[in-house]
PDB file of N, CA and C in Angstrom:
ATOM      1  N   MET A   1      32.248   0.338  33.966  1.00  0.00           N
ATOM      2  CA  MET A   1      31.978   1.214  34.853  1.00  0.00           C
ATOM      3  C   MET A   1      32.879   2.394  34.596  1.00  0.00           C
ATOM      4  N   PRO A   2      32.785   3.354  34.616  1.00  0.00           N
ATOM      5  CA  PRO A   2      33.383   4.862  34.488  1.00  0.00           C
ATOM      6  C   PRO A   2      34.209   4.856  35.822  1.00  0.00           C
ATOM      7  N   PRO A   3      35.226   5.616  35.384  1.00  0.00           N
ATOM      8  CA  PRO A   3      36.301   5.721  36.663  1.00  0.00           C
ATOM      9  C   PRO A   3      35.747   6.663  37.642  1.00  0.00           C
ATOM     10  N   ALA A   4      35.962   6.650  38.771  1.00  0.00           N
ATOM     11  CA  ALA A   4      35.526   7.395  39.873  1.00  0.00           C
ATOM     12  C   ALA A   4      35.724   8.724  39.705  1.00  0.00           C
ATOM     13  N   ASN A   5      37.089   9.129  39.304  1.00  0.00           N
ATOM     14  CA  ASN A   5      37.358  10.749  38.896  1.00  0.00           C
ATOM     15  C   ASN A   5      36.454  11.311  37.679  1.00  0.00           C
ATOM     16  N   ARG A   6      35.996  10.359  36.905  1.00  0.00           N
ATOM     17  CA  ARG A   6      35.272  10.907  35.587  1.00  0.00           C
ATOM     18  C   ARG A   6      33.910  11.607  36.181  1.00  0.00           C
ATOM     19  N   LYS A   7      33.664  12.887  35.756  1.00  0.00           N
ATOM     20  CA  LYS A   7      32.153  13.414  36.003  1.00  0.00           C
ATOM     21  C   LYS A   7      31.256  12.973  35.168  1.00  0.00           C
ATOM     22  N   GLN A   8      30.043  12.906  35.549  1.00  0.00           N
ATOM     23  CA  GLN A   8      28.722  12.341  34.532  1.00  0.00           C
ATOM     24  C   GLN A   8      28.343  13.899  34.075  1.00  0.00           C
ATOM     25  N   PRO A   9      27.878  13.697  32.723  1.00  0.00           N
ATOM     26  CA  PRO A   9      27.254  14.710  32.257  1.00  0.00           C
ATOM     27  C   PRO A   9      26.110  15.624  33.254  1.00  0.00           C
ATOM     28  N   LYS A  10      26.119  16.842  33.178  1.00  0.00           N
ATOM     29  CA  LYS A  10      25.267  17.496  34.110  1.00  0.00           C
ATOM     30  C   LYS A  10      24.154  17.646  33.441  1.00  0.00           C
ATOM     31  N   ARG A  11      22.967  17.246  34.164  1.00  0.00           N
ATOM     32  CA  ARG A  11      21.521  16.990  33.399  1.00  0.00           C
ATOM     33  C   ARG A  11      20.770  18.532  33.679  1.00  0.00           C
ATOM     34  N   ALA A  12      19.864  19.228  32.876  1.00  0.00           N
ATOM     35  CA  ALA A  12      19.179  20.303  33.114  1.00  0.00           C
ATOM     36  C   ALA A  12      18.532  20.364  34.264  1.00  0.00           C
ATOM     37  N   ASN A  13      18.249  21.685  34.917  1.00  0.00           N
ATOM     38  CA  ASN A  13      17.819  21.683  36.143  1.00  0.00           C
ATOM     39  C   ASN A  13      16.242  21.159  36.161  1.00  0.00           C
ATOM     40  N   SER A  14      15.508  21.097  35.216  1.00  0.00           N
ATOM     41  CA  SER A  14      14.261  20.754  34.921  1.00  0.00           C
ATOM     42  C   SER A  14      14.174  19.067  34.695  1.00  0.00           C
ATOM     43  N   SER A  15      15.137  18.517  34.607  1.00  0.00           N
ATOM     44  CA  SER A  15      15.241  17.087  34.665  1.00  0.00           C
ATOM     45  C   SER A  15      15.666  16.560  36.285  1.00  0.00           C
ATOM     46  N   ASP A  16      14.896  15.346  36.548  1.00  0.00           N
ATOM     47  CA  ASP A  16      15.088  14.378  37.380  1.00  0.00           C
ATOM     48  C   ASP A  16      15.833  13.137  36.897  1.00  0.00           C
ATOM     49  N   SER A  17      15.486  12.931  35.519  1.00  0.00           N
ATOM     50  CA  SER A  17      15.900  11.825  35.213  1.00  0.00           C
ATOM     51  C   SER A  17      17.589  11.216  35.082  1.00  0.00           C
ATOM     52  N   GLN A  18      17.887  10.120  35.420  1.00  0.00           N
ATOM     53  CA  GLN A  18      19.085   9.695  35.172  1.00  0.00           C
ATOM     54  C   GLN A  18      19.431   8.985  34.030  1.00  0.00           C
ATOM     55  N   TYR A  19      18.548   9.110  33.340  1.00  0.00           N
ATOM     56  CA  TYR A  19      18.504   8.450  31.868  1.00  0.00           C
ATOM     57  C   TYR A  19      18.417   9.343  30.692  1.00  0.00           C
ATOM     58  N   SER A  20      19.450   9.530  29.873  1.00  0.00           N
ATOM     59  CA  SER A  20      19.684  10.700  28.928  1.00  0.00           C
ATOM     60  C   SER A  20      18.720  10.162  27.644  1.00  0.00           C
ATOM     61  N   LEU A  21      18.735  11.550  27.048  1.00  0.00           N
ATOM     62  CA  LEU A  21      17.803  11.110  25.703  1.00  0.00           C
ATOM     63  C   LEU A  21      18.674  10.085  24.692  1.00  0.00           C
ATOM     64  N   MET A  22      20.016  10.367  24.807  1.00  0.00           N
ATOM     65  CA  MET A  22      21.052   9.462  23.811  1.00  0.00           C
ATOM     66  C   MET A  22      20.890   8.038  24.200  1.00  0.00           C
ATOM     67  N   GLU A  23      20.450   7.645  25.612  1.00  0.00           N
ATOM     68  CA  GLU A  23      20.249   6.429  26.018  1.00  0.00           C
ATOM     69  C   GLU A  23      18.812   6.046  25.563  1.00  0.00           C
ATOM     70  N   PHE A  24      17.876   6.898  25.741  1.00  0.00           N
ATOM     71  CA  PHE A  24      16.684   6.427  25.079  1.00  0.00           C
ATOM     72  C   PHE A  24      16.873   6.122  23.863  1.00  0.00           C
ATOM     73  N   MET A  25      17.078   7.049  23.049  1.00  0.00           N
ATOM     74  CA  MET A  25      17.169   6.915  21.486  1.00  0.00           C
ATOM     75  C   MET A  25      18.131   5.325  21.253  1.00  0.00           C
ATOM     76  N   GLN A  26      19.300   5.244  22.038  1.00  0.00           N
ATOM     77  CA  GLN A  26      19.984   3.919  21.665  1.00  0.00           C
ATOM     78  C   GLN A  26      19.233   2.765  22.118  1.00  0.00           C
ATOM     79  N   GLN A  27      18.200   2.696  23.140  1.00  0.00           N
ATOM     80  CA  GLN A  27      17.382   1.545  23.495  1.00  0.00           C
ATOM     81  C   GLN A  27      16.201   1.435  22.467  1.00  0.00           C
ATOM     82  N   TYR A  28      15.410   2.580  22.261  1.00  0.00           N
ATOM     83  CA  TYR A  28      14.479   2.605  21.226  1.00  0.00           C
ATOM     84  C   TYR A  28      14.566   3.203  20.102  1.00  0.00           C
ATOM     85  N   PRO A  29      15.346   2.895  19.277  1.00  0.00           N
ATOM     86  CA  PRO A  29      15.902   3.408  18.018  1.00  0.00           C
ATOM     87  C   PRO A  29      14.539   3.493  17.049  1.00  0.00           C
ATOM     88  N   ASP A  30      13.755   2.836  17.048  1.00  0.00           N
ATOM     89  CA  ASP A  30      12.632   2.725  15.945  1.00  0.00           C
ATOM     90  C   ASP A  30      11.338   1.673  16.700  1.00  0.00           C
ATOM     91  N   ASP A  31      10.362   1.810  15.888  1.00  0.00           N
ATOM     92  CA  ASP A  31       9.029   1.179  16.254  1.00  0.00           C
ATOM     93  C   ASP A  31       9.272  -0.412  16.653  1.00  0.00           C
ATOM     94  N   GLU A  32      10.023  -1.167  15.987  1.00  0.00           N
ATOM     95  CA  GLU A  32      10.298  -2.344  16.196  1.00  0.00           C
ATOM     96  C   GLU A  32      11.128  -2.548  17.450  1.00  0.00           C
ATOM     97  N   ALA A  33      11.813  -1.901  18.078  1.00  0.00           N
ATOM     98  CA  ALA A  33      12.357  -1.874  19.274  1.00  0.00           C
ATOM     99  C   ALA A  33      11.093  -1.804  20.319  1.00  0.00           C
ATOM    100  N   CYS A  34      10.303  -0.608  20.284  1.00  0.00           N
ATOM    101  CA  CYS A  34       9.440  -0.426  20.966  1.00  0.00           C
ATOM    102  C   CYS A  34       8.454  -1.615  21.043  1.00  0.00           C
ATOM    103  N   LEU A  35       7.934  -2.066  19.798  1.00  0.00           N
ATOM    104  CA  LEU A  35       6.859  -3.340  19.733  1.00  0.00           C
ATOM    105  C   LEU A  35       7.667  -4.533  20.646  1.00  0.00           C
ATOM    106  N   GLN A  36       9.005  -4.730  20.326  1.00  0.00           N
ATOM    107  CA  GLN A  36       9.656  -5.904  21.313  1.00  0.00           C
ATOM    108  C   GLN A  36       9.860  -5.656  22.815  1.00  0.00           C
ATOM    109  N   GLU A  37       9.747  -4.404  22.894  1.00  0.00           N
ATOM    110  CA  GLU A  37       9.881  -4.138  24.703  1.00  0.00           C
ATOM    111  C   GLU A  37       8.411  -4.361  25.129  1.00  0.00           C
ATOM    112  N   LEU A  38       7.309  -3.956  24.604  1.00  0.00           N
ATOM    113  CA  LEU A  38       5.895  -4.323  24.962  1.00  0.00           C
ATOM    114  C   LEU A  38       5.736  -5.685  24.739  1.00  0.00           C
ATOM    115  N   TRP A  39       6.204  -6.705  23.869  1.00  0.00           N
ATOM    116  CA  TRP A  39       5.963  -7.834  24.003  1.00  0.00           C
ATOM    117  C   TRP A  39       6.770  -8.694  25.234  1.00  0.00           C
ATOM    118  N   ARG A  40       7.770  -8.125  25.658  1.00  0.00           N
ATOM    119  CA  ARG A  40       8.537  -8.636  26.614  1.00  0.00           C
ATOM    120  C   ARG A  40       8.107  -8.334  27.799  1.00  0.00           C
ATOM    121  N   LYS A  41       7.537  -6.763  28.046  1.00  0.00           N
ATOM    122  CA  LYS A  41       7.109  -6.606  29.265  1.00  0.00           C
ATOM    123  C   LYS A  41       5.716  -7.062  29.552  1.00  0.00           C
ATOM    124  N   ARG A  42       5.013  -6.972  28.648  1.00  0.00           N
ATOM    125  CA  ARG A  42       3.573  -7.599  28.789  1.00  0.00           C
ATOM    126  C   ARG A  42       3.249  -9.338  29.003  1.00  0.00           C
ATOM    127  N   TYR A  43       4.236  -9.932  28.005  1.00  0.00           N
ATOM    128  CA  TYR A  43       3.821 -11.431  27.801  1.00  0.00           C
ATOM    129  C   TYR A  43       5.302 -12.205  28.054  1.00  0.00           C
ATOM    130  N   SER A  44       6.227 -11.863  27.403  1.00  0.00           N
ATOM    131  CA  SER A  44       7.344 -12.820  27.305  1.00  0.00           C
ATOM    132  C   SER A  44       8.781 -12.060  27.695  1.00  0.00           C
ATOM    133  N   PRO A  45       9.104 -12.279  29.333  1.00  0.00           N
ATOM    134  CA  PRO A  45      10.292 -11.606  29.585  1.00  0.00           C
ATOM    135  C   PRO A  45      11.355 -12.258  28.733  1.00  0.00           C
ATOM    136  N   ASP A  46      11.582 -13.688  28.398  1.00  0.00           N
ATOM    137  CA  ASP A  46      12.556 -14.041  27.617  1.00  0.00           C
ATOM    138  C   ASP A  46      12.591 -13.719  26.099  1.00  0.00           C
ATOM    139  N   GLY A  47      11.290 -13.546  25.407  1.00  0.00           N
ATOM    140  CA  GLY A  47      11.413 -13.020  24.056  1.00  0.00           C
ATOM    141  C   GLY A  47      10.613 -14.248  23.178  1.00  0.00           C
ATOM    142  N   GLU A  48      10.549 -15.359  24.271  1.00  0.00           N
ATOM    143  CA  GLU A  48      10.047 -16.547  23.240  1.00  0.00           C
ATOM    144  C   GLU A  48       8.769 -17.399  23.879  1.00  0.00           C
ATOM    145  N   HIS A  49       8.857 -17.311  25.235  1.00  0.00           N
ATOM    146  CA  HIS A  49       7.824 -18.311  26.016  1.00  0.00           C
ATOM    147  C   HIS A  49       6.792 -17.293  26.580  1.00  0.00           C
ATOM    148  N   ALA A  50       5.524 -17.589  26.299  1.00  0.00           N
ATOM    149  CA  ALA A  50       4.552 -16.820  26.967  1.00  0.00           C
ATOM    150  C   ALA A  50       3.426 -17.553  27.198  1.00  0.00           C
ATOM    151  N   TYR A  51       2.378 -17.294  28.151  1.00  0.00           N
ATOM    152  CA  TYR A  51       1.480 -17.945  28.838  1.00  0.00           C
ATOM    153  C   TYR A  51       0.468 -18.003  27.725  1.00  0.00           C
ATOM    154  N   CYS A  52      -0.195 -19.099  26.992  1.00  0.00           N
ATOM    155  CA  CYS A  52      -1.414 -19.410  25.966  1.00  0.00           C
ATOM    156  C   CYS A  52      -2.384 -19.313  26.794  1.00  0.00           C
ATOM    157  N   PRO A  53      -3.479 -18.520  26.699  1.00  0.00           N
ATOM    158  CA  PRO A  53      -4.815 -18.448  27.406  1.00  0.00           C
ATOM    159  C   PRO A  53      -5.448 -19.825  26.616  1.00  0.00           C
ATOM    160  N   LYS A  54      -5.234 -20.042  25.393  1.00  0.00           N
ATOM    161  CA  LYS A  54      -6.042 -21.289  24.714  1.00  0.00           C
ATOM    162  C   LYS A  54      -5.718 -22.565  24.959  1.00  0.00           C
ATOM    163  N   CYS A  55      -4.092 -22.572  25.418  1.00  0.00           N
ATOM    164  CA  CYS A  55      -3.570 -24.097  25.685  1.00  0.00           C
ATOM    165  C   CYS A  55      -3.576 -23.914  27.385  1.00  0.00           C
ATOM    166  N   GLU A  56      -3.845 -22.754  28.223  1.00  0.00           N
ATOM    167  CA  GLU A  56      -3.755 -22.819  29.498  1.00  0.00           C
ATOM    168  C   GLU A  56      -2.224 -22.982  29.816  1.00  0.00           C
ATOM    169  N   THR A  57      -1.338 -22.998  29.264  1.00  0.00           N
ATOM    170  CA  THR A  57      -0.008 -23.269  29.773  1.00  0.00           C
ATOM    171  C   THR A  57       1.191 -22.299  29.035  1.00  0.00           C
ATOM    172  N   GLU A  58       2.333 -22.599  29.474  1.00  0.00           N
ATOM    173  CA  GLU A  58       3.237 -21.749  28.798  1.00  0.00           C
ATOM    174  C   GLU A  58       3.890 -22.227  27.638  1.00  0.00           C
ATOM    175  N   ARG A  59       3.970 -21.468  26.320  1.00  0.00           N
ATOM    176  CA  ARG A  59       4.325 -22.044  25.142  1.00  0.00           C
ATOM    177  C   ARG A  59       5.317 -21.318  24.401  1.00  0.00           C
ATOM    178  N   VAL A  60       5.742 -22.050  23.638  1.00  0.00           N
ATOM    179  CA  VAL A  60       6.659 -21.104  22.598  1.00  0.00           C
ATOM    180  C   VAL A  60       5.912 -20.142  21.674  1.00  0.00           C
ATOM    181  N   PHE A  61       6.205 -19.093  21.545  1.00  0.00           N
ATOM    182  CA  PHE A  61       5.538 -18.079  20.649  1.00  0.00           C
ATOM    183  C   PHE A  61       6.526 -17.398  19.656  1.00  0.00           C
ATOM    184  N   ARG A  62       6.032 -17.499  18.361  1.00  0.00           N
ATOM    185  CA  ARG A  62       7.004 -16.738  17.222  1.00  0.00           C
ATOM    186  C   ARG A  62       6.191 -15.408  16.771  1.00  0.00           C
ATOM    187  N   ARG A  63       7.154 -14.846  16.337  1.00  0.00           N
ATOM    188  CA  ARG A  63       6.503 -13.472  15.583  1.00  0.00           C
ATOM    189  C   ARG A  63       5.946 -13.920  14.252  1.00  0.00           C
ATOM    190  N   TYR A  64       4.598 -13.462  14.230  1.00  0.00           N
ATOM    191  CA  TYR A  64       3.586 -13.351  12.865  1.00  0.00           C
ATOM    192  C   TYR A  64       4.042 -12.439  11.988  1.00  0.00           C
ATOM    193  N   GLU A  65       4.939 -12.545  10.985  1.00  0.00           N
ATOM    194  CA  GLU A  65       5.556 -11.806  10.125  1.00  0.00           C
ATOM    195  C   GLU A  65       4.221 -11.373   9.197  1.00  0.00           C
ATOM    196  N   THR A  66       4.027  -9.810   9.365  1.00  0.00           N
ATOM    197  CA  THR A  66       3.004  -9.335   8.369  1.00  0.00           C
ATOM    198  C   THR A  66       3.267  -8.024   7.820  1.00  0.00           C
ATOM    199  N   THR A  67       2.750  -7.311   7.021  1.00  0.00           N
ATOM    200  CA  THR A  67       2.987  -6.045   6.430  1.00  0.00           C
ATOM    201  C   THR A  67       2.018  -5.066   7.396  1.00  0.00           C
ATOM    202  N   GLN A  68       1.094  -5.696   7.999  1.00  0.00           N
ATOM    203  CA  GLN A  68       0.017  -5.112   8.592  1.00  0.00           C
ATOM    204  C   GLN A  68       0.415  -4.152   9.727  1.00  0.00           C
ATOM    205  N   GLN A  69      -0.109  -3.108   9.971  1.00  0.00           N
ATOM    206  CA  GLN A  69       0.187  -2.168  11.163  1.00  0.00           C
ATOM    207  C   GLN A  69      -0.190  -3.161  12.552  1.00  0.00           C
ATOM    208  N   ARG A  70      -1.160  -3.826  12.709  1.00  0.00           N
ATOM    209  CA  ARG A  70      -1.139  -4.717  13.764  1.00  0.00           C
ATOM    210  C   ARG A  70      -0.580  -5.861  13.856  1.00  0.00           C
ATOM    211  N   GLN A  71       0.491  -5.909  14.824  1.00  0.00           N
ATOM    212  CA  GLN A  71       1.664  -6.945  14.711  1.00  0.00           C
ATOM    213  C   GLN A  71       1.134  -7.983  15.852  1.00  0.00           C
ATOM    214  N   SER A  72       1.503  -9.374  15.739  1.00  0.00           N
ATOM    215  CA  SER A  72       1.227 -10.141  16.434  1.00  0.00           C
ATOM    216  C   SER A  72       2.356 -11.453  16.622  1.00  0.00           C
ATOM    217  N   TRP A  73       2.253 -12.329  17.803  1.00  0.00           N
ATOM    218  CA  TRP A  73       2.770 -13.433  18.039  1.00  0.00           C
ATOM    219  C   TRP A  73       1.795 -14.694  18.167  1.00  0.00           C
ATOM    220  N   ASN A  74       2.260 -15.769  17.261  1.00  0.00           N
ATOM    221  CA  ASN A  74       1.315 -16.755  17.720  1.00  0.00           C
ATOM    222  C   ASN A  74       1.957 -18.062  18.373  1.00  0.00           C
ATOM    223  N   CYS A  75       1.043 -18.755  19.001  1.00  0.00           N
ATOM    224  CA  CYS A  75       1.499 -19.842  19.804  1.00  0.00           C
ATOM    225  C   CYS A  75       1.782 -21.271  18.596  1.00  0.00           C
ATOM    226  N   ILE A  76       3.068 -21.675  18.779  1.00  0.00           N
ATOM    227  CA  ILE A  76       3.314 -22.476  17.854  1.00  0.00           C
ATOM    228  C   ILE A  76       2.616 -23.975  18.153  1.00  0.00           C
ATOM    229  N   ALA A  77       2.011 -24.108  19.169  1.00  0.00           N
ATOM    230  CA  ALA A  77       1.422 -25.382  19.261  1.00  0.00           C
ATOM    231  C   ALA A  77      -0.108 -25.506  18.813  1.00  0.00           C
ATOM    232  N   CYS A  78      -1.097 -24.272  19.271  1.00  0.00           N
ATOM    233  CA  CYS A  78      -2.583 -24.132  18.754  1.00  0.00           C
ATOM    234  C   CYS A  78      -2.734 -23.081  18.130  1.00  0.00           C
ATOM    235  N   GLY A  79      -1.767 -22.229  17.479  1.00  0.00           N
ATOM    236  CA  GLY A  79      -2.051 -21.012  16.772  1.00  0.00           C
ATOM    237  C   GLY A  79      -2.704 -19.961  17.305  1.00  0.00           C
ATOM    238  N   HIS A  80      -2.976 -19.632  18.560  1.00  0.00           N
ATOM    239  CA  HIS A  80      -3.454 -18.440  19.171  1.00  0.00           C
ATOM    240  C   HIS A  80      -2.583 -17.308  19.003  1.00  0.00           C
ATOM    241  N   TYR A  81      -3.387 -16.263  18.657  1.00  0.00           N
ATOM    242  CA  TYR A  81      -2.610 -15.239  18.397  1.00  0.00           C
ATOM    243  C   TYR A  81      -2.513 -14.084  19.727  1.00  0.00           C
ATOM    244  N   LEU A  82      -1.194 -13.452  20.153  1.00  0.00           N
ATOM    245  CA  LEU A  82      -1.289 -12.382  20.998  1.00  0.00           C
ATOM    246  C   LEU A  82      -0.873 -10.953  20.436  1.00  0.00           C
ATOM    247  N   TYR A  83      -1.517  -9.755  20.658  1.00  0.00           N
ATOM    248  CA  TYR A  83      -1.177  -8.721  20.195  1.00  0.00           C
ATOM    249  C   TYR A  83      -0.559  -7.678  21.339  1.00  0.00           C
ATOM    250  N   PRO A  84       0.705  -7.196  21.130  1.00  0.00           N
ATOM    251  CA  PRO A  84       1.098  -6.582  22.361  1.00  0.00           C
ATOM    252  C   PRO A  84       0.262  -5.379  22.821  1.00  0.00           C
ATOM    253  N   THR A  85      -0.040  -4.631  21.558  1.00  0.00           N
ATOM    254  CA  THR A  85      -0.700  -3.082  21.710  1.00  0.00           C
ATOM    255  C   THR A  85      -2.105  -3.470  22.301  1.00  0.00           C
ATOM    256  N   ALA A  86      -2.805  -4.773  22.262  1.00  0.00           N
ATOM    257  CA  ALA A  86      -4.375  -4.798  22.585  1.00  0.00           C
ATOM    258  C   ALA A  86      -4.323  -4.428  24.021  1.00  0.00           C
ATOM    259  N   GLY A  87      -5.636  -3.796  24.233  1.00  0.00           N
ATOM    260  CA  GLY A  87      -5.814  -3.161  25.507  1.00  0.00           C
ATOM    261  C   GLY A  87      -5.003  -2.072  26.092  1.00  0.00           C
ATOM    262  N   THR A  88      -4.042  -1.353  25.354  1.00  0.00           N
ATOM    263  CA  THR A  88      -3.050  -0.246  25.694  1.00  0.00           C
ATOM    264  C   THR A  88      -3.575   0.915  25.130  1.00  0.00           C
ATOM    265  N   ILE A  89      -3.217   1.961  25.480  1.00  0.00           N
ATOM    266  CA  ILE A  89      -3.364   3.219  24.860  1.00  0.00           C
ATOM    267  C   ILE A  89      -2.466   3.103  23.472  1.00  0.00           C
ATOM    268  N   PHE A  90      -1.969   2.280  22.935  1.00  0.00           N
ATOM    269  CA  PHE A  90      -1.234   2.117  21.675  1.00  0.00           C
ATOM    270  C   PHE A  90      -2.399   1.565  20.660  1.00  0.00           C
ATOM    271  N   HIS A  91      -3.371   0.842  21.111  1.00  0.00           N
ATOM    272  CA  HIS A  91      -4.100  -0.153  20.326  1.00  0.00           C
ATOM    273  C   HIS A  91      -5.285   0.891  19.447  1.00  0.00           C
ATOM    274  N   LYS A  92      -5.075   0.615  18.100  1.00  0.00           N
ATOM    275  CA  LYS A  92      -5.895   1.432  17.465  1.00  0.00           C
ATOM    276  C   LYS A  92      -4.985   2.619  16.920  1.00  0.00           C
ATOM    277  N   SER A  93      -3.671   2.966  17.553  1.00  0.00           N
ATOM    278  CA  SER A  93      -3.493   4.478  17.235  1.00  0.00           C
ATOM    279  C   SER A  93      -2.783   4.636  16.012  1.00  0.00           C
ATOM    280  N   SER A  94      -2.875   5.731  15.479  1.00  0.00           N
ATOM    281  CA  SER A  94      -2.154   5.979  14.193  1.00  0.00           C
ATOM    282  C   SER A  94      -0.815   6.725  14.693  1.00  0.00           C
ATOM    283  N   THR A  95      -0.575   6.851  15.629  1.00  0.00           N
ATOM    284  CA  THR A  95       0.794   7.578  16.287  1.00  0.00           C
ATOM    285  C   THR A  95       1.579   6.362  16.333  1.00  0.00           C
ATOM    286  N   SER A  96       2.900   6.606  16.038  1.00  0.00           N
ATOM    287  CA  SER A  96       3.804   5.561  16.149  1.00  0.00           C
ATOM    288  C   SER A  96       4.212   5.301  17.204  1.00  0.00           C
ATOM    289  N   LEU A  97       4.858   3.727  17.752  1.00  0.00           N
ATOM    290  CA  LEU A  97       4.985   3.291  18.676  1.00  0.00           C
ATOM    291  C   LEU A  97       6.273   4.000  19.323  1.00  0.00           C
ATOM    292  N   HIS A  98       7.074   4.602  18.412  1.00  0.00           N
ATOM    293  CA  HIS A  98       8.304   5.332  18.594  1.00  0.00           C
ATOM    294  C   HIS A  98       8.050   6.659  19.315  1.00  0.00           C
ATOM    295  N   LEU A  99       7.069   7.276  18.598  1.00  0.00           N
ATOM    296  CA  LEU A  99       6.806   8.657  19.072  1.00  0.00           C
ATOM    297  C   LEU A  99       5.765   8.648  20.649  1.00  0.00           C
ATOM    298  N   TRP A 100       5.103   7.580  20.629  1.00  0.00           N
ATOM    299  CA  TRP A 100       4.174   6.956  22.145  1.00  0.00           C
ATOM    300  C   TRP A 100       5.443   7.077  23.296  1.00  0.00           C
ATOM    301  N   PHE A 101       6.610   6.372  22.872  1.00  0.00           N
ATOM    302  CA  PHE A 101       7.476   5.966  23.863  1.00  0.00           C
ATOM    303  C   PHE A 101       8.302   7.170  24.229  1.00  0.00           C
ATOM    304  N   TYR A 102       8.573   8.065  22.943  1.00  0.00           N
ATOM    305  CA  TYR A 102       9.190   9.368  23.351  1.00  0.00           C
ATOM    306  C   TYR A 102       8.652  10.194  24.064  1.00  0.00           C
ATOM    307  N   ALA A 103       7.295  10.444  23.960  1.00  0.00           N
ATOM    308  CA  ALA A 103       6.362  10.983  24.649  1.00  0.00           C
ATOM    309  C   ALA A 103       6.372  10.715  26.289  1.00  0.00           C
ATOM    310  N   MET A 104       6.393   9.362  26.390  1.00  0.00           N
ATOM    311  CA  MET A 104       6.301   8.850  27.877  1.00  0.00           C
ATOM    312  C   MET A 104       7.874   9.122  28.444  1.00  0.00           C
ATOM    313  N   TYR A 105       8.682   9.121  27.676  1.00  0.00           N
ATOM    314  CA  TYR A 105      10.049   9.599  28.140  1.00  0.00           C
ATOM    315  C   TYR A 105      10.137  10.764  28.525  1.00  0.00           C
ATOM    316  N   LEU A 106       9.651  11.917  27.731  1.00  0.00           N
ATOM    317  CA  LEU A 106       9.655  13.424  28.065  1.00  0.00           C
ATOM    318  C   LEU A 106       8.985  13.447  29.457  1.00  0.00           C
ATOM    319  N   THR A 107       7.782  12.966  29.575  1.00  0.00           N
ATOM    320  CA  THR A 107       6.958  13.259  30.669  1.00  0.00           C
ATOM    321  C   THR A 107       7.429  12.238  32.043  1.00  0.00           C
ATOM    322  N   ALA A 108       8.239  11.125  31.762  1.00  0.00           N
ATOM    323  CA  ALA A 108       8.838  10.704  32.891  1.00  0.00           C
ATOM    324  C   ALA A 108      10.087  11.397  33.231  1.00  0.00           C
ATOM    325  N   SER A 109      10.685  12.102  32.509  1.00  0.00           N
ATOM    326  CA  SER A 109      12.028  12.827  32.723  1.00  0.00           C
ATOM    327  C   SER A 109      11.907  14.132  33.065  1.00  0.00           C
ATOM    328  N   THR A 110      10.873  14.768  33.057  1.00  0.00           N
ATOM    329  CA  THR A 110      10.558  16.320  33.414  1.00  0.00           C
ATOM    330  C   THR A 110       9.763  16.357  34.672  1.00  0.00           C
ATOM    331  N   ARG A 111      10.229  17.574  35.465  1.00  0.00           N
ATOM    332  CA  ARG A 111       9.482  17.795  36.767  1.00  0.00           C
ATOM    333  C   ARG A 111       7.976  18.218  36.297  1.00  0.00           C
TER     334      ARG A 111
END
């Protein structure tokens, strides 16, 4: 925690954000970090366990390593795949996840 007498950097008048661009870039440096965030927010807060609709219970999921653009995780019990971008604005988008996240940051951080 910063000392009480230390001043925080002043934000531009057009910004209501308490989250700086540098903080954004540290948290989301690339597409992989953005994909991991989607996986955790949509399916698996701990990054490993998620509800499997085929098994109808919470199971361990592992990242299915592929060079394809459509990334997925699969249930180690039954092999069912979950796709973090499916059903979102990111699905079948040719725009990188990092650029999508940056656009959302800009939208959320300006008046």
